[in-house]
Structures are given as C-alpha cells and as structure tokens.
C-alpha atoms as a PDB file:
ATOM      1  CA  MET A   1      79.454 106.557 113.660  1.00  0.00           C
ATOM      2  CA  TYR A   2      83.127 105.708 114.357  1.00  0.00           C
ATOM      3  CA  ARG A   3      83.437 104.106 110.932  1.00  0.00           C
ATOM      4  CA  LEU A   4      81.964 107.205 109.274  1.00  0.00           C
ATOM      5  CA  VAL A   5      84.394 109.508 111.085  1.00  0.00           C
ATOM      6  CA  PHE A   6      87.319 107.256 110.208  1.00  0.00           C
ATOM      7  CA  LEU A   7      86.291 107.021 106.555  1.00  0.00           C
ATOM      8  CA  SER A   8      85.881 110.818 106.413  1.00  0.00           C
ATOM      9  CA  PHE A   9      89.410 111.187 107.784  1.00  0.00           C
ATOM     10  CA  VAL A  10      90.756 108.762 105.209  1.00  0.00           C
ATOM     11  CA  MET A  11      89.036 110.553 102.351  1.00  0.00           C
ATOM     12  CA  ALA A  12      90.328 113.945 103.521  1.00  0.00           C
ATOM     13  CA  SER A  13      93.903 112.767 103.937  1.00  0.00           C
ATOM     14  CA  ALA A  14      96.468 112.726 101.194  1.00  0.00           C
ATOM     15  CA  PHE A  15      96.948 108.982 101.280  1.00  0.00           C
ATOM     16  CA  VAL A  16      97.241 106.905  98.167  1.00  0.00           C
ATOM     17  CA  ILE A  17      93.965 107.246  96.273  1.00  0.00           C
ATOM     18  CA  GLY A  18      91.637 104.428  97.295  1.00  0.00           C
ATOM     19  CA  SER A  19      93.749 103.470 100.293  1.00  0.00           C
ATOM     20  CA  SER A  20      92.777 103.558 103.929  1.00  0.00           C
ATOM     21  CA  SER A  21      96.378 103.304 105.070  1.00  0.00           C
ATOM     22  CA  PRO A  22      99.232 105.778 105.042  1.00  0.00           C
ATOM     23  CA  VAL A  23     102.020 105.061 102.619  1.00  0.00           C
ATOM     24  CA  ILE A  24     104.790 103.287 104.522  1.00  0.00           C
ATOM     25  CA  SER A  25     108.165 103.168 102.847  1.00  0.00           C
ATOM     26  CA  ALA A  26     111.593 102.183 104.012  1.00  0.00           C
ATOM     27  CA  PRO A  27     113.203 104.873 106.173  1.00  0.00           C
ATOM     28  CA  THR A  28     115.804 107.044 104.530  1.00  0.00           C
ATOM     29  CA  ALA A  29     119.004 108.458 105.947  1.00  0.00           C
ATOM     30  CA  MET A  30     117.597 111.979 105.600  1.00  0.00           C
ATOM     31  CA  ALA A  31     114.411 111.268 107.562  1.00  0.00           C
ATOM     32  CA  SER A  32     114.185 113.370 110.691  1.00  0.00           C
ATOM     33  CA  GLU A  33     110.545 112.834 111.637  1.00  0.00           C
ATOM     34  CA  VAL A  34     110.207 109.892 114.036  1.00  0.00           C
ATOM     35  CA  VAL A  35     106.846 108.441 115.045  1.00  0.00           C
ATOM     36  CA  SER A  36     106.922 106.093 118.046  1.00  0.00           C
ATOM     37  CA  TYR A  37     103.919 103.826 118.563  1.00  0.00           C
ATOM     38  CA  ARG A  38     102.581 100.919 120.553  1.00  0.00           C
ATOM     39  CA  CYS A  39      99.339  99.099 121.212  1.00  0.00           C
ATOM     40  CA  PRO A  40     100.004  96.738 124.125  1.00  0.00           C
ATOM     41  CA  GLU A  41      96.540  95.116 124.235  1.00  0.00           C
ATOM     42  CA  TRP A  42      94.972  93.153 121.388  1.00  0.00           C
ATOM     43  CA  LYS A  43      92.484  95.244 119.395  1.00  0.00           C
ATOM     44  CA  THR A  44      90.019  94.022 116.785  1.00  0.00           C
ATOM     45  CA  ARG A  45      88.739  95.915 113.778  1.00  0.00           C
ATOM     46  CA  HIS A  46      85.794  94.667 111.705  1.00  0.00           C
ATOM     47  CA  GLU A  47      85.953  95.291 107.955  1.00  0.00           C
ATOM     48  CA  HIS A  48      83.492  94.377 105.226  1.00  0.00           C
ATOM     49  CA  ASP A  49      85.718  95.508 102.342  1.00  0.00           C
ATOM     50  CA  SER A  50      88.376  92.868 101.622  1.00  0.00           C
ATOM     51  CA  LYS A  51      90.633  95.320  99.768  1.00  0.00           C
ATOM     52  CA  GLN A  52      90.580  97.799 102.646  1.00  0.00           C
ATOM     53  CA  ALA A  53      91.199  94.970 105.140  1.00  0.00           C
ATOM     54  CA  ALA A  54      94.202  93.800 103.104  1.00  0.00           C
ATOM     55  CA  GLN A  55      95.653  97.343 103.071  1.00  0.00           C
ATOM     56  CA  ILE A  56      95.267  97.674 106.835  1.00  0.00           C
ATOM     57  CA  VAL A  57      96.867  94.261 107.450  1.00  0.00           C
ATOM     58  CA  ASP A  58      99.728  95.069 105.048  1.00  0.00           C
ATOM     59  CA  THR A  59     100.420  98.440 106.691  1.00  0.00           C
ATOM     60  CA  LEU A  60     100.352  96.984 110.210  1.00  0.00           C
ATOM     61  CA  LYS A  61     102.770  94.244 109.143  1.00  0.00           C
ATOM     62  CA  LYS A  62     105.112  96.809 107.584  1.00  0.00           C
ATOM     63  CA  LEU A  63     105.059  98.599 110.924  1.00  0.00           C
ATOM     64  CA  LYS A  64     106.154  95.295 112.563  1.00  0.00           C
ATOM     65  CA  CYS A  65     102.892  94.784 114.492  1.00  0.00           C
ATOM     66  CA  GLU A  66     101.445  91.379 115.312  1.00  0.00           C
ATOM     67  CA  VAL A  67      98.442  90.871 113.029  1.00  0.00           C
ATOM     68  CA  GLU A  68      95.826  88.151 112.613  1.00  0.00           C
ATOM     69  CA  LYS A  69      93.097  88.143 109.978  1.00  0.00           C
ATOM     70  CA  HIS A  70      89.950  86.014 110.196  1.00  0.00           C
ATOM     71  CA  GLU A  71      87.013  85.964 107.787  1.00  0.00           C
ATOM     72  CA  HIS A  72      83.578  84.894 108.997  1.00  0.00           C
ATOM     73  CA  ASN A  73      79.887  85.847 108.900  1.00  0.00           C
ATOM     74  CA  GLY A  74      80.372  88.180 105.931  1.00  0.00           C
ATOM     75  CA  HIS A  75      83.109  90.337 107.415  1.00  0.00           C
ATOM     76  CA  ILE A  76      86.821  90.305 108.208  1.00  0.00           C
ATOM     77  CA  ASP A  77      88.223  90.620 111.713  1.00  0.00           C
ATOM     78  CA  ILE A  78      91.669  92.185 111.912  1.00  0.00           C
ATOM     79  CA  LYS A  79      93.243  91.529 115.299  1.00  0.00           C
ATOM     80  CA  TYR A  80      96.452  93.418 116.075  1.00  0.00           C
ATOM     81  CA  ARG A  81      98.824  94.560 118.778  1.00  0.00           C
ATOM     82  CA  CYS A  82     102.293  96.010 119.167  1.00  0.00           C
ATOM     83  CA  PRO A  83     103.328  95.481 122.804  1.00  0.00           C
ATOM     84  CA  LYS A  84     106.709  97.231 122.612  1.00  0.00           C
ATOM     85  CA  TRP A  85     107.393 100.792 121.521  1.00  0.00           C
ATOM     86  CA  LEU A  86     108.530 100.826 117.889  1.00  0.00           C
ATOM     87  CA  GLU A  87     109.591 103.696 115.640  1.00  0.00           C
ATOM     88  CA  HIS A  88     109.014 104.703 112.048  1.00  0.00           C
ATOM     89  CA  GLN A  89     110.951 107.462 110.315  1.00  0.00           C
ATOM     90  CA  ALA A  90     108.659 109.496 108.087  1.00  0.00           C
ATOM     91  CA  LYS A  91     109.986 111.474 105.151  1.00  0.00           C
ATOM     92  CA  THR A  92     108.161 114.694 106.063  1.00  0.00           C
ATOM     93  CA  HIS A  93     106.459 116.311 109.030  1.00  0.00           C
ATOM     94  CA  ASP A  94     103.128 115.996 107.217  1.00  0.00           C
ATOM     95  CA  ASP A  95     103.668 112.251 106.630  1.00  0.00           C
ATOM     96  CA  ALA A  96     104.481 111.803 110.320  1.00  0.00           C
ATOM     97  CA  HIS A  97     101.205 113.436 111.329  1.00  0.00           C
ATOM     98  CA  LYS A  98      99.210 111.377 108.817  1.00  0.00           C
ATOM     99  CA  LEU A  99     100.696 108.200 110.256  1.00  0.00           C
ATOM    100  CA  MET A 100     100.035 109.389 113.811  1.00  0.00           C
ATOM    101  CA  ASP A 101      96.398 110.146 112.996  1.00  0.00           C
ATOM    102  CA  TRP A 102      95.943 106.747 111.337  1.00  0.00           C
ATOM    103  CA  LEU A 103      97.492 104.925 114.301  1.00  0.00           C
ATOM    104  CA  LYS A 104      95.418 106.917 116.797  1.00  0.00           C
ATOM    105  CA  ALA A 105      92.259 105.926 114.909  1.00  0.00           C
ATOM    106  CA  LEU A 106      93.315 102.303 115.508  1.00  0.00           C
ATOM    107  CA  LYS A 107      93.764 103.058 119.248  1.00  0.00           C
ATOM    108  CA  PHE A 108      97.591 103.110 119.279  1.00  0.00           C
ATOM    109  CA  GLU A 109      99.599 105.254 121.682  1.00  0.00           C
ATOM    110  CA  VAL A 110     101.791 107.564 119.612  1.00  0.00           C
ATOM    111  CA  LYS A 111     104.649 110.010 120.117  1.00  0.00           C
ATOM    112  CA  HIS A 112     106.307 112.287 117.589  1.00  0.00           C
ATOM    113  CA  GLN A 113     109.911 113.466 117.637  1.00  0.00           C
ATOM    114  CA  HIS A 114     111.826 115.762 115.312  1.00  0.00           C
END
C-alpha cells in the first residue's frame, strides 16, 4: 500500500520523467527557498527496480546523506540517514515543496523557510 501511494505521488509530481527523485541541482545565489532536513535514525527502503534504486541513492548522496546500498534476494536495500540538520536551496517554492514531499515519504523531518 505504501509503495502504491508513493509511486502515485511520484507519477503525479513534475519530477524528471521516469524519475522517482526530485531534481537536485547546485544552489544558486538567487535561491530563496530553503528546505532543512534530517533523518537521525537509519532507515531502510526496499527496491526491486535497480534504476529507481540508483536514482534514490544518487539523490540522497547529493543531499549529503549517509547512504548504503546492498543487493540480495532479488531486491535492493537502500539504508540511509542524515543525523544533522542540513539545508538545500531550491530554485522555486514549488521545487521546495516537491523536495519536502519526497523527503517526508522517506521519513525525514523537514522544515521550509523563505
């Protein structure tokens, strides 16, 4: 059920077509939308799609999270955490909310500042 809800969210969002992760780019000087996030405890996500798993791992690494990836028994475990509060500057308000929604789906604590 959770996976279905998450996949529905991904399909409805304006992410890169075929991606399950928000587009993360380098912050710009004009960015005014700040998303703060943390996930102090290790979480594990099970993925059966290697491309989707790679996108999640790549996005979490770009966000400076600790990430481990293990393949076994026909699926991929993505283990992650971010014990300290970090920030990402989004280009637009809409991008900030997309990132917040994606992080919340992965059980992160999030805050949004303008």
